[in-house]
C-alpha atoms as a PDB file:
ATOM      1  CA  MET A   1     -14.131   1.171 -12.709  1.00  0.00           C
ATOM      2  CA  SER A   2     -15.874   0.171  -9.632  1.00  0.00           C
ATOM      3  CA  LEU A   3     -16.117  -2.774  -7.197  1.00  0.00           C
ATOM      4  CA  ALA A   4     -18.734  -5.193  -8.309  1.00  0.00           C
ATOM      5  CA  ARG A   5     -19.950  -7.832  -5.854  1.00  0.00           C
ATOM      6  CA  SER A   6     -18.536 -10.547  -8.057  1.00  0.00           C
ATOM      7  CA  THR A   7     -15.228  -8.889  -8.003  1.00  0.00           C
ATOM      8  CA  ALA A   8     -15.302  -8.322  -4.271  1.00  0.00           C
ATOM      9  CA  SER A   9     -16.138 -12.009  -3.933  1.00  0.00           C
ATOM     10  CA  ARG A  10     -13.262 -13.060  -6.199  1.00  0.00           C
ATOM     11  CA  PHE A  11     -10.664 -10.855  -4.371  1.00  0.00           C
ATOM     12  CA  ALA A  12     -11.993 -12.297  -0.992  1.00  0.00           C
ATOM     13  CA  LYS A  13     -11.499 -15.817  -2.099  1.00  0.00           C
ATOM     14  CA  ILE A  14      -8.116 -15.049  -3.225  1.00  0.00           C
ATOM     15  CA  ALA A  15      -7.155 -13.294   0.081  1.00  0.00           C
ATOM     16  CA  LEU A  16      -8.804 -16.109   2.085  1.00  0.00           C
ATOM     17  CA  GLY A  17      -6.579 -18.617   0.134  1.00  0.00           C
ATOM     18  CA  HIS A  18      -3.324 -17.190   1.125  1.00  0.00           C
ATOM     19  CA  LEU A  19      -3.574 -15.263   4.391  1.00  0.00           C
ATOM     20  CA  THR A  20      -3.207 -18.379   6.559  1.00  0.00           C
ATOM     21  CA  ARG A  21      -0.960 -20.223   4.103  1.00  0.00           C
ATOM     22  CA  GLU A  22       2.339 -20.331   5.808  1.00  0.00           C
ATOM     23  CA  TYR A  23       4.495 -21.660   3.121  1.00  0.00           C
ATOM     24  CA  PRO A  24       6.292 -20.785   0.803  1.00  0.00           C
ATOM     25  CA  ASN A  25       7.459 -17.883   3.000  1.00  0.00           C
ATOM     26  CA  LYS A  26      10.000 -15.141   2.555  1.00  0.00           C
ATOM     27  CA  LEU A  27      10.974 -13.880   6.023  1.00  0.00           C
ATOM     28  CA  ASP A  28      12.384 -10.562   6.817  1.00  0.00           C
ATOM     29  CA  HIS A  29      14.290 -11.985   9.731  1.00  0.00           C
ATOM     30  CA  VAL A  30      17.732 -11.007  11.379  1.00  0.00           C
ATOM     31  CA  MET A  31      18.900 -13.772  13.441  1.00  0.00           C
ATOM     32  CA  ALA A  32      21.161 -13.094  16.310  1.00  0.00           C
ATOM     33  CA  GLY A  33      21.883 -16.835  17.075  1.00  0.00           C
ATOM     34  CA  ALA A  34      20.591 -20.325  16.639  1.00  0.00           C
ATOM     35  CA  ASP A  35      17.614 -19.865  18.855  1.00  0.00           C
ATOM     36  CA  ASP A  36      16.272 -17.350  16.296  1.00  0.00           C
ATOM     37  CA  VAL A  37      15.645 -20.187  13.726  1.00  0.00           C
ATOM     38  CA  ARG A  38      11.949 -20.325  13.989  1.00  0.00           C
ATOM     39  CA  SER A  39       8.925 -20.855  11.666  1.00  0.00           C
ATOM     40  CA  PRO A  40       6.937 -17.907  10.482  1.00  0.00           C
ATOM     41  CA  ARG A  41       4.001 -18.638  12.518  1.00  0.00           C
ATOM     42  CA  GLU A  42       6.180 -18.852  15.659  1.00  0.00           C
ATOM     43  CA  LEU A  43       7.626 -15.478  14.961  1.00  0.00           C
ATOM     44  CA  HIS A  44       4.408 -13.896  13.891  1.00  0.00           C
ATOM     45  CA  PRO A  45       1.360 -15.200  15.357  1.00  0.00           C
ATOM     46  CA  ILE A  46      -1.109 -13.140  13.182  1.00  0.00           C
ATOM     47  CA  PHE A  47       0.978 -12.287  10.087  1.00  0.00           C
ATOM     48  CA  PHE A  48       2.667 -15.453   9.088  1.00  0.00           C
ATOM     49  CA  GLY A  49       0.837 -16.035   5.749  1.00  0.00           C
ATOM     50  CA  SER A  50       0.798 -14.635   2.199  1.00  0.00           C
ATOM     51  CA  PHE A  51       4.333 -15.415   1.346  1.00  0.00           C
ATOM     52  CA  ASP A  52       5.817 -12.308   3.526  1.00  0.00           C
ATOM     53  CA  TRP A  53       4.739 -10.297   6.540  1.00  0.00           C
ATOM     54  CA  HIS A  54       3.718  -7.159   4.744  1.00  0.00           C
ATOM     55  CA  SER A  55       1.623  -8.899   2.143  1.00  0.00           C
ATOM     56  CA  CYS A  56      -0.279 -10.676   5.019  1.00  0.00           C
ATOM     57  CA  VAL A  57      -1.005  -7.347   6.727  1.00  0.00           C
ATOM     58  CA  HIS A  58      -2.304  -5.702   3.611  1.00  0.00           C
ATOM     59  CA  GLY A  59      -4.200  -9.002   2.772  1.00  0.00           C
ATOM     60  CA  TYR A  60      -6.009  -8.180   6.242  1.00  0.00           C
ATOM     61  CA  TRP A  61      -6.629  -4.758   4.896  1.00  0.00           C
ATOM     62  CA  LEU A  62      -8.052  -5.990   1.769  1.00  0.00           C
ATOM     63  CA  LEU A  63     -10.559  -8.296   3.591  1.00  0.00           C
ATOM     64  CA  ALA A  64     -11.595  -5.693   6.040  1.00  0.00           C
ATOM     65  CA  THR A  65     -12.143  -3.163   3.209  1.00  0.00           C
ATOM     66  CA  LEU A  66     -14.114  -5.603   0.978  1.00  0.00           C
ATOM     67  CA  LEU A  67     -16.232  -6.520   4.212  1.00  0.00           C
ATOM     68  CA  ARG A  68     -17.127  -2.815   4.632  1.00  0.00           C
ATOM     69  CA  LEU A  69     -17.837  -2.191   0.980  1.00  0.00           C
ATOM     70  CA  ARG A  70     -19.654  -5.428   0.313  1.00  0.00           C
ATOM     71  CA  PRO A  71     -20.987  -6.681   3.498  1.00  0.00           C
ATOM     72  CA  GLU A  72     -23.640  -8.944   1.643  1.00  0.00           C
ATOM     73  CA  MET A  73     -20.917 -11.096  -0.186  1.00  0.00           C
ATOM     74  CA  ALA A  74     -20.873 -14.734   0.631  1.00  0.00           C
ATOM     75  CA  GLU A  75     -17.533 -14.564   2.267  1.00  0.00           C
ATOM     76  CA  ALA A  76     -18.416 -12.173   4.896  1.00  0.00           C
ATOM     77  CA  GLU A  77     -19.065 -14.536   7.559  1.00  0.00           C
ATOM     78  CA  THR A  78     -15.851 -16.409   6.913  1.00  0.00           C
ATOM     79  CA  ILE A  79     -13.916 -12.991   7.049  1.00  0.00           C
ATOM     80  CA  VAL A  80     -15.465 -12.153  10.452  1.00  0.00           C
ATOM     81  CA  THR A  81     -14.494 -15.581  11.945  1.00  0.00           C
ATOM     82  CA  LEU A  82     -10.891 -15.092  10.533  1.00  0.00           C
ATOM     83  CA  PHE A  83     -10.525 -11.683  12.197  1.00  0.00           C
ATOM     84  CA  ASP A  84     -12.082 -12.693  15.433  1.00  0.00           C
ATOM     85  CA  ASP A  85      -9.464 -15.581  15.581  1.00  0.00           C
ATOM     86  CA  ALA A  86      -6.453 -13.157  14.382  1.00  0.00           C
ATOM     87  CA  PHE A  87      -6.998 -10.179  16.272  1.00  0.00           C
ATOM     88  CA  THR A  88      -6.696 -11.195  20.056  1.00  0.00           C
ATOM     89  CA  ASP A  89      -4.600  -9.528  22.705  1.00  0.00           C
ATOM     90  CA  ASP A  90      -2.174 -12.405  22.990  1.00  0.00           C
ATOM     91  CA  LYS A  91      -1.388 -12.698  19.294  1.00  0.00           C
ATOM     92  CA  VAL A  92      -0.986  -8.834  19.083  1.00  0.00           C
ATOM     93  CA  ALA A  93       1.416  -9.170  22.069  1.00  0.00           C
ATOM     94  CA  GLY A  94       3.410 -11.890  20.109  1.00  0.00           C
ATOM     95  CA  GLU A  95       3.776  -9.496  17.147  1.00  0.00           C
ATOM     96  CA  LEU A  96       4.837  -6.704  19.578  1.00  0.00           C
ATOM     97  CA  VAL A  97       7.475  -9.092  21.131  1.00  0.00           C
ATOM     98  CA  TYR A  98       9.157  -9.572  17.951  1.00  0.00           C
ATOM     99  CA  LEU A  99       9.514  -5.872  17.358  1.00  0.00           C
ATOM    100  CA  THR A 100      11.301  -5.543  20.636  1.00  0.00           C
ATOM    101  CA  ARG A 101      14.273  -7.554  19.522  1.00  0.00           C
ATOM    102  CA  PRO A 102      17.379  -5.258  18.784  1.00  0.00           C
ATOM    103  CA  GLU A 103      17.444  -7.113  15.455  1.00  0.00           C
ATOM    104  CA  SER A 104      14.035  -5.953  14.529  1.00  0.00           C
ATOM    105  CA  ARG A 105      14.859  -2.238  14.525  1.00  0.00           C
ATOM    106  CA  GLY A 106      14.603  -1.900  10.633  1.00  0.00           C
ATOM    107  CA  PHE A 107      12.124  -4.690  10.227  1.00  0.00           C
ATOM    108  CA  GLU A 108       9.640  -3.720   7.266  1.00  0.00           C
ATOM    109  CA  ARG A 109      10.669  -0.175   7.201  1.00  0.00           C
ATOM    110  CA  PRO A 110       8.964   1.725   5.826  1.00  0.00           C
ATOM    111  CA  TYR A 111       6.481  -0.347   3.663  1.00  0.00           C
ATOM    112  CA  GLY A 112       5.245  -2.872   6.411  1.00  0.00           C
ATOM    113  CA  TRP A 113       5.062   0.037   8.826  1.00  0.00           C
ATOM    114  CA  ALA A 114       2.758   1.964   6.636  1.00  0.00           C
ATOM    115  CA  TRP A 115       0.552  -0.905   5.894  1.00  0.00           C
ATOM    116  CA  SER A 116       0.162  -1.716   9.525  1.00  0.00           C
ATOM    117  CA  LEU A 117      -1.102   1.871   9.937  1.00  0.00           C
ATOM    118  CA  MET A 118      -3.363   1.561   6.862  1.00  0.00           C
ATOM    119  CA  LEU A 119      -4.912  -1.560   8.389  1.00  0.00           C
ATOM    120  CA  GLN A 120      -5.430   0.129  11.450  1.00  0.00           C
ATOM    121  CA  ALA A 121      -7.188   3.092   9.689  1.00  0.00           C
ATOM    122  CA  GLU A 122      -9.578   0.476   8.052  1.00  0.00           C
ATOM    123  CA  LEU A 123     -10.319  -1.386  11.165  1.00  0.00           C
ATOM    124  CA  LEU A 124     -11.384   1.952  12.813  1.00  0.00           C
ATOM    125  CA  ARG A 125     -14.251   1.934  10.307  1.00  0.00           C
ATOM    126  CA  HIS A 126     -15.753  -1.224  11.615  1.00  0.00           C
ATOM    127  CA  GLN A 127     -18.023  -1.574  14.738  1.00  0.00           C
ATOM    128  CA  ARG A 128     -16.025  -4.472  15.989  1.00  0.00           C
ATOM    129  CA  PRO A 129     -13.139  -4.954  18.646  1.00  0.00           C
ATOM    130  CA  TRP A 130     -10.516  -5.557  16.043  1.00  0.00           C
ATOM    131  CA  ALA A 131      -9.132  -1.981  15.924  1.00  0.00           C
ATOM    132  CA  GLY A 132      -8.897  -1.756  19.768  1.00  0.00           C
ATOM    133  CA  VAL A 133      -6.985  -4.971  19.866  1.00  0.00           C
ATOM    134  CA  HIS A 134      -4.737  -4.096  16.937  1.00  0.00           C
ATOM    135  CA  ALA A 135      -4.031  -0.640  18.064  1.00  0.00           C
ATOM    136  CA  PRO A 136      -1.002  -1.299  20.181  1.00  0.00           C
ATOM    137  CA  LEU A 137       0.846  -2.655  17.196  1.00  0.00           C
ATOM    138  CA  ALA A 138      -0.115   0.237  15.046  1.00  0.00           C
ATOM    139  CA  ARG A 139       0.936   2.577  17.613  1.00  0.00           C
ATOM    140  CA  ALA A 140       4.293   0.941  17.731  1.00  0.00           C
ATOM    141  CA  PHE A 141       4.759   1.410  14.050  1.00  0.00           C
ATOM    142  CA  ALA A 142       3.639   5.102  14.114  1.00  0.00           C
ATOM    143  CA  GLN A 143       6.107   5.697  16.894  1.00  0.00           C
ATOM    144  CA  ARG A 144       8.947   4.211  14.804  1.00  0.00           C
ATOM    145  CA  LEU A 145       7.932   6.371  11.837  1.00  0.00           C
ATOM    146  CA  GLU A 146       7.870   9.337  14.124  1.00  0.00           C
ATOM    147  CA  ALA A 147      11.494   8.487  15.269  1.00  0.00           C
ATOM    148  CA  PHE A 148      12.708   7.822  11.713  1.00  0.00           C
ATOM    149  CA  LEU A 149      11.325  10.811   9.570  1.00  0.00           C
ATOM    150  CA  PRO A 150      13.384  13.576  11.477  1.00  0.00           C
ATOM    151  CA  VAL A 151      16.575  11.662  10.663  1.00  0.00           C
ATOM    152  CA  ALA A 152      15.713  10.597   7.102  1.00  0.00           C
ATOM    153  CA  ASP A 153      17.366  13.529   5.279  1.00  0.00           C
ATOM    154  CA  TYR A 154      16.837  11.822   1.796  1.00  0.00           C
ATOM    155  CA  PRO A 155      13.798  10.140   0.247  1.00  0.00           C
ATOM    156  CA  VAL A 156      13.902   6.884  -1.403  1.00  0.00           C
ATOM    157  CA  ARG A 157      12.534   7.034  -4.782  1.00  0.00           C
ATOM    158  CA  ALA A 158      12.691   3.445  -5.836  1.00  0.00           C
ATOM    159  CA  GLY A 159       9.455   2.006  -7.038  1.00  0.00           C
ATOM    160  CA  THR A 160       9.536  -0.858  -4.563  1.00  0.00           C
ATOM    161  CA  HIS A 161       9.033  -1.467  -0.861  1.00  0.00           C
ATOM    162  CA  TYR A 162      11.515   1.258   0.373  1.00  0.00           C
ATOM    163  CA  ASN A 163       9.659   4.007  -1.307  1.00  0.00           C
ATOM    164  CA  THR A 164       9.125   6.944   1.150  1.00  0.00           C
ATOM    165  CA  ALA A 165       6.337   8.617  -0.656  1.00  0.00           C
ATOM    166  CA  PHE A 166       4.096   5.468  -0.600  1.00  0.00           C
ATOM    167  CA  ALA A 167       4.748   5.220   3.199  1.00  0.00           C
ATOM    168  CA  LEU A 168       3.524   8.813   3.542  1.00  0.00           C
ATOM    169  CA  VAL A 169       0.560   8.134   1.593  1.00  0.00           C
ATOM    170  CA  LEU A 170      -0.662   5.202   3.587  1.00  0.00           C
ATOM    171  CA  ALA A 171       0.388   6.823   6.987  1.00  0.00           C
ATOM    172  CA  SER A 172      -1.690   9.827   6.141  1.00  0.00           C
ATOM    173  CA  GLU A 173      -4.800   7.422   6.234  1.00  0.00           C
ATOM    174  CA  TYR A 174      -4.020   6.564   9.774  1.00  0.00           C
ATOM    175  CA  ALA A 175      -3.464  10.173  10.748  1.00  0.00           C
ATOM    176  CA  ASP A 176      -6.698  11.177   9.419  1.00  0.00           C
ATOM    177  CA  MET A 177      -8.644   8.298  11.087  1.00  0.00           C
ATOM    178  CA  THR A 178      -7.086   8.776  14.422  1.00  0.00           C
ATOM    179  CA  GLY A 179      -7.323  12.602  14.201  1.00  0.00           C
ATOM    180  CA  ASP A 180      -3.630  12.802  14.874  1.00  0.00           C
ATOM    181  CA  THR A 181      -2.936  16.273  13.692  1.00  0.00           C
ATOM    182  CA  ALA A 182       0.560  16.434  15.066  1.00  0.00           C
ATOM    183  CA  PHE A 183       1.497  13.137  13.226  1.00  0.00           C
ATOM    184  CA  ARG A 184      -0.030  14.395   9.961  1.00  0.00           C
ATOM    185  CA  GLN A 185       1.772  17.530  10.307  1.00  0.00           C
ATOM    186  CA  MET A 186       5.167  15.690  10.586  1.00  0.00           C
ATOM    187  CA  LEU A 187       4.246  13.707   7.352  1.00  0.00           C
ATOM    188  CA  ARG A 188       3.630  16.993   5.624  1.00  0.00           C
ATOM    189  CA  THR A 189       6.691  18.488   6.699  1.00  0.00           C
ATOM    190  CA  ARG A 190       8.797  15.585   5.580  1.00  0.00           C
ATOM    191  CA  ALA A 191       6.954  15.636   2.157  1.00  0.00           C
ATOM    192  CA  LEU A 192       7.944  19.256   1.566  1.00  0.00           C
ATOM    193  CA  VAL A 193      11.538  18.650   2.536  1.00  0.00           C
ATOM    194  CA  TRP A 194      11.729  15.470   0.369  1.00  0.00           C
ATOM    195  CA  TYR A 195       9.624  16.706  -2.626  1.00  0.00           C
ATOM    196  CA  GLY A 196       8.714  20.299  -2.261  1.00  0.00           C
ATOM    197  CA  GLN A 197      11.466  21.619  -4.919  1.00  0.00           C
ATOM    198  CA  ASP A 198      10.950  18.689  -7.361  1.00  0.00           C
ATOM    199  CA  ALA A 199      10.014  19.819 -11.029  1.00  0.00           C
ATOM    200  CA  ALA A 200      10.236  18.747 -14.612  1.00  0.00           C
ATOM    201  CA  CYS A 201       9.894  14.951 -13.684  1.00  0.00           C
ATOM    202  CA  GLN A 202      11.649  12.860 -16.283  1.00  0.00           C
ATOM    203  CA  ALA A 203       9.998   9.550 -14.996  1.00  0.00           C
ATOM    204  CA  TRP A 204      12.910   6.991 -15.538  1.00  0.00           C
ATOM    205  CA  GLU A 205      10.594   4.106 -15.067  1.00  0.00           C
ATOM    206  CA  PRO A 206       9.629   1.404 -15.062  1.00  0.00           C
ATOM    207  CA  SER A 207      12.620  -0.521 -13.645  1.00  0.00           C
ATOM    208  CA  GLY A 208      12.537  -4.310 -13.891  1.00  0.00           C
ATOM    209  CA  ASP A 209      10.722  -4.931 -10.620  1.00  0.00           C
ATOM    210  CA  ASP A 210       8.802  -1.745  -9.824  1.00  0.00           C
ATOM    211  CA  PHE A 211       5.359  -2.080  -8.400  1.00  0.00           C
ATOM    212  CA  LEU A 212       5.049   1.649  -7.628  1.00  0.00           C
ATOM    213  CA  SER A 213       5.446   4.444  -9.954  1.00  0.00           C
ATOM    214  CA  PRO A 214       8.172   6.815  -8.284  1.00  0.00           C
ATOM    215  CA  ALA A 215       6.778   9.727 -10.002  1.00  0.00           C
ATOM    216  CA  LEU A 216       3.016   9.315  -9.570  1.00  0.00           C
ATOM    217  CA  ILE A 217       3.204   8.068  -5.917  1.00  0.00           C
ATOM    218  CA  GLU A 218       5.324  11.137  -5.076  1.00  0.00           C
ATOM    219  CA  ALA A 219       2.568  13.455  -6.707  1.00  0.00           C
ATOM    220  CA  GLU A 220      -0.198  11.494  -4.710  1.00  0.00           C
ATOM    221  CA  ALA A 221       1.649  12.072  -1.599  1.00  0.00           C
ATOM    222  CA  MET A 222       1.884  15.719  -2.201  1.00  0.00           C
ATOM    223  CA  ARG A 223      -1.803  15.783  -3.093  1.00  0.00           C
ATOM    224  CA  ARG A 224      -2.693  14.186   0.244  1.00  0.00           C
ATOM    225  CA  LEU A 225      -0.557  16.209   2.312  1.00  0.00           C
ATOM    226  CA  LEU A 226      -0.351  19.634   0.840  1.00  0.00           C
ATOM    227  CA  PRO A 227      -3.102  22.261   1.230  1.00  0.00           C
ATOM    228  CA  ARG A 228      -5.206  22.164  -1.996  1.00  0.00           C
ATOM    229  CA  GLU A 229      -3.846  25.648  -3.070  1.00  0.00           C
ATOM    230  CA  SER A 230      -0.365  24.382  -2.473  1.00  0.00           C
ATOM    231  CA  PHE A 231      -0.586  21.330  -4.536  1.00  0.00           C
ATOM    232  CA  GLU A 232      -2.332  23.075  -7.426  1.00  0.00           C
ATOM    233  CA  LEU A 233       0.904  25.308  -7.675  1.00  0.00           C
ATOM    234  CA  TRP A 234       3.163  22.351  -7.205  1.00  0.00           C
ATOM    235  CA  PHE A 235       1.532  19.758  -9.514  1.00  0.00           C
ATOM    236  CA  PRO A 236       1.872  21.520 -12.748  1.00  0.00           C
ATOM    237  CA  ARG A 237       5.550  22.128 -12.327  1.00  0.00           C
ATOM    238  CA  PHE A 238       6.161  18.478 -11.413  1.00  0.00           C
ATOM    239  CA  PRO A 239       5.006  16.516 -14.572  1.00  0.00           C
ATOM    240  CA  PRO A 240       4.849  19.714 -16.625  1.00  0.00           C
ATOM    241  CA  ASP A 241       3.392  18.115 -19.811  1.00  0.00           C
ATOM    242  CA  VAL A 242       0.496  16.026 -18.969  1.00  0.00           C
ATOM    243  CA  ALA A 243      -1.535  17.831 -21.566  1.00  0.00           C
ATOM    244  CA  ASP A 244       0.918  16.410 -24.038  1.00  0.00           C
ATOM    245  CA  LYS A 245       0.890  12.895 -22.346  1.00  0.00           C
ATOM    246  CA  GLN A 246       4.485  13.323 -21.271  1.00  0.00           C
ATOM    247  CA  PRO A 247       6.433  11.694 -19.864  1.00  0.00           C
ATOM    248  CA  ALA A 248       5.141   9.131 -22.220  1.00  0.00           C
ATOM    249  CA  THR A 249       5.988   5.981 -20.155  1.00  0.00           C
ATOM    250  CA  LEU A 250       3.625   7.180 -17.449  1.00  0.00           C
ATOM    251  CA  PHE A 251       0.658   6.836 -19.861  1.00  0.00           C
ATOM    252  CA  THR A 252       1.699   3.287 -21.178  1.00  0.00           C
ATOM    253  CA  PRO A 253       1.090   0.097 -19.139  1.00  0.00           C
ATOM    254  CA  ALA A 254       4.281  -1.853 -18.522  1.00  0.00           C
ATOM    255  CA  ARG A 255       4.724  -5.259 -20.214  1.00  0.00           C
ATOM    256  CA  VAL A 256       4.802  -8.312 -17.864  1.00  0.00           C
ATOM    257  CA  SER A 257       6.843 -11.020 -19.640  1.00  0.00           C
ATOM    258  CA  ASP A 258       6.719 -13.745 -17.012  1.00  0.00           C
ATOM    259  CA  ARG A 259       4.290 -13.792 -14.161  1.00  0.00           C
ATOM    260  CA  THR A 260       5.938 -16.786 -12.608  1.00  0.00           C
ATOM    261  CA  ASP A 261       8.899 -14.644 -11.759  1.00  0.00           C
ATOM    262  CA  GLY A 262       8.094 -12.660  -8.510  1.00  0.00           C
ATOM    263  CA  LYS A 263      10.118  -9.685  -9.449  1.00  0.00           C
ATOM    264  CA  ILE A 264       8.828  -9.346 -13.009  1.00  0.00           C
ATOM    265  CA  ALA A 265       5.162  -9.969 -11.660  1.00  0.00           C
ATOM    266  CA  HIS A 266       5.771  -6.617  -9.785  1.00  0.00           C
ATOM    267  CA  LEU A 267       4.949  -5.047 -13.002  1.00  0.00           C
ATOM    268  CA  ASP A 268       1.358  -5.941 -12.902  1.00  0.00           C
ATOM    269  CA  GLY A 269       1.363  -4.029  -9.506  1.00  0.00           C
ATOM    270  CA  LEU A 270       2.830  -1.067 -11.030  1.00  0.00           C
ATOM    271  CA  ASN A 271       0.068  -0.926 -13.668  1.00  0.00           C
ATOM    272  CA  LEU A 272      -2.556  -1.218 -10.765  1.00  0.00           C
ATOM    273  CA  SER A 273      -0.816   1.369  -8.546  1.00  0.00           C
ATOM    274  CA  ARG A 274      -0.413   3.796 -11.532  1.00  0.00           C
ATOM    275  CA  ALA A 275      -4.108   3.321 -12.196  1.00  0.00           C
ATOM    276  CA  TRP A 276      -4.838   4.239  -8.461  1.00  0.00           C
ATOM    277  CA  CYS A 277      -2.641   7.250  -8.785  1.00  0.00           C
ATOM    278  CA  TRP A 278      -3.957   8.426 -11.973  1.00  0.00           C
ATOM    279  CA  ARG A 279      -7.534   8.251 -10.718  1.00  0.00           C
ATOM    280  CA  LEU A 280      -6.755  10.171  -7.700  1.00  0.00           C
ATOM    281  CA  LEU A 281      -4.777  12.905  -9.429  1.00  0.00           C
ATOM    282  CA  ALA A 282      -7.243  13.290 -12.275  1.00  0.00           C
ATOM    283  CA  ALA A 283      -9.892  13.822  -9.678  1.00  0.00           C
ATOM    284  CA  ALA A 284      -7.900  16.672  -8.284  1.00  0.00           C
ATOM    285  CA  MET A 285      -7.233  18.344 -11.673  1.00  0.00           C
ATOM    286  CA  PRO A 286      -9.459  21.171 -12.722  1.00  0.00           C
ATOM    287  CA  GLU A 287     -12.235  20.202 -15.208  1.00  0.00           C
ATOM    288  CA  ALA A 288     -10.699  22.584 -17.770  1.00  0.00           C
ATOM    289  CA  ASP A 289      -7.299  21.171 -17.468  1.00  0.00           C
ATOM    290  CA  PRO A 290      -6.625  19.542 -20.942  1.00  0.00           C
ATOM    291  CA  GLY A 291      -4.504  16.685 -19.091  1.00  0.00           C
ATOM    292  CA  LYS A 292      -7.587  15.414 -17.247  1.00  0.00           C
ATOM    293  CA  HIS A 293      -8.763  13.304 -19.885  1.00  0.00           C
ATOM    294  CA  HIS A 294      -5.330  11.719 -20.539  1.00  0.00           C
ATOM    295  CA  ALA A 295      -5.098  11.107 -16.799  1.00  0.00           C
ATOM    296  CA  ILE A 296      -8.574   9.329 -16.680  1.00  0.00           C
ATOM    297  CA  THR A 297      -7.596   7.362 -19.894  1.00  0.00           C
ATOM    298  CA  ALA A 298      -4.286   6.141 -18.511  1.00  0.00           C
ATOM    299  CA  ALA A 299      -5.968   4.996 -15.457  1.00  0.00           C
ATOM    300  CA  MET A 300      -8.490   2.826 -17.300  1.00  0.00           C
ATOM    301  CA  ASN A 301      -5.660   1.559 -19.698  1.00  0.00           C
ATOM    302  CA  HIS A 302      -3.476   0.485 -16.795  1.00  0.00           C
ATOM    303  CA  LEU A 303      -6.375  -1.172 -14.807  1.00  0.00           C
ATOM    304  CA  ALA A 304      -7.442  -3.033 -17.819  1.00  0.00           C
ATOM    305  CA  ALA A 305      -3.955  -4.310 -18.368  1.00  0.00           C
ATOM    306  CA  ALA A 306      -3.633  -5.730 -14.801  1.00  0.00           C
ATOM    307  CA  VAL A 307      -6.828  -6.717 -13.137  1.00  0.00           C
ATOM    308  CA  PRO A 308      -7.131  -9.860 -15.270  1.00  0.00           C
ATOM    309  CA  HIS A 309      -3.976 -11.067 -13.739  1.00  0.00           C
ATOM    310  CA  VAL A 310      -4.476 -10.656 -10.064  1.00  0.00           C
ATOM    311  CA  SER A 311      -4.703 -14.437  -9.717  1.00  0.00           C
ATOM    312  CA  GLY A 312      -3.138 -17.436 -11.475  1.00  0.00           C
ATOM    313  CA  ASP A 313       0.410 -17.649 -10.040  1.00  0.00           C
ATOM    314  CA  TYR A 314       1.205 -17.418  -6.462  1.00  0.00           C
ATOM    315  CA  MET A 315       3.974 -14.958  -7.084  1.00  0.00           C
ATOM    316  CA  GLY A 316       1.317 -12.319  -7.917  1.00  0.00           C
ATOM    317  CA  GLU A 317      -1.732 -13.830  -6.354  1.00  0.00           C
ATOM    318  CA  HIS A 318      -0.420 -13.204  -2.757  1.00  0.00           C
ATOM    319  CA  TRP A 319      -0.557  -9.464  -2.998  1.00  0.00           C
ATOM    320  CA  LEU A 320      -1.979  -8.131  -6.385  1.00  0.00           C
ATOM    321  CA  ALA A 321      -5.749  -8.119  -5.389  1.00  0.00           C
ATOM    322  CA  THR A 322      -4.732  -5.389  -2.824  1.00  0.00           C
ATOM    323  CA  PHE A 323      -3.555  -2.966  -5.438  1.00  0.00           C
ATOM    324  CA  ALA A 324      -6.429  -3.777  -7.646  1.00  0.00           C
ATOM    325  CA  LEU A 325      -8.789  -2.795  -4.839  1.00  0.00           C
ATOM    326  CA  LEU A 326      -6.820   0.458  -4.251  1.00  0.00           C
ATOM    327  CA  ALA A 327      -7.257   1.218  -8.094  1.00  0.00           C
ATOM    328  CA  LEU A 328     -10.947   0.410  -8.140  1.00  0.00           C
ATOM    329  CA  GLU A 329     -12.121   2.090  -5.105  1.00  0.00           C
ATOM    330  CA  ASN A 330     -10.177   5.506  -5.322  1.00  0.00           C
ATOM    331  CA  GLY A 331     -10.750   8.442  -7.442  1.00  0.00           C
END
């Protein structure tokens, strides 16, 4: 379960094939009048491809991460050229202009916000000007999250874009890479408010269009944000029967009946995100924990069920490689 050069090249080819593909496109766009009827590229100078804005953002994250991990791959030069063209002051300014619209207050909350921060965290790992250029956009989304979290009394536990635990996980990467301890503390505080008392998780999943496990992504958020000793107290109470492979659904890959259906295709993403979470959680479990082996096996089974399907139909192809890379390169 690691990133071979051939796999990196395969994923890069997939992303390069859709990042600048403008159509088909599913806009998250509130229109105030007829003048707001504009094309994706007019609205979003950088993130106009990949079927939707957030998939385009994390497609850039995918390529930046592949470039760092496998700089020798044949696609590296093409990636650098693409990034040099995309990350310019004028284009970032254009993305920021869109956010200033009153109608854009809830644009991409919280999923796209978090992916913008995750992208910035990755760009900071590169010795290139991209992070500095992209920084104003990332700061704008960090500020939105800072304003939102104190008034978000309740978490969103859906296994889709609105999931709040997933947003905390990605935002924590940004907090760590930027050294923003106050921001990280805000994330930790909100995680404790939302999830600190959770126990005996029943894991009513999967739902029909989940691409995140509400149970496992919550556990991963707590693993990242709590001190280790606090997490070691919290985790055994949350899914209390991992040693007995319960709840059983968390150990069983979801079946994907129709990969041409965009919502059903989400379930390939569920399998990949479960693999990602299980690998990270297994690494945090003590060697003597009888559930550790089950967690590792579950990760392998979910990965095997989904990686062959990251390409083939555009409904999955425009985003699944991102989650495959998360699963392969973590834990």
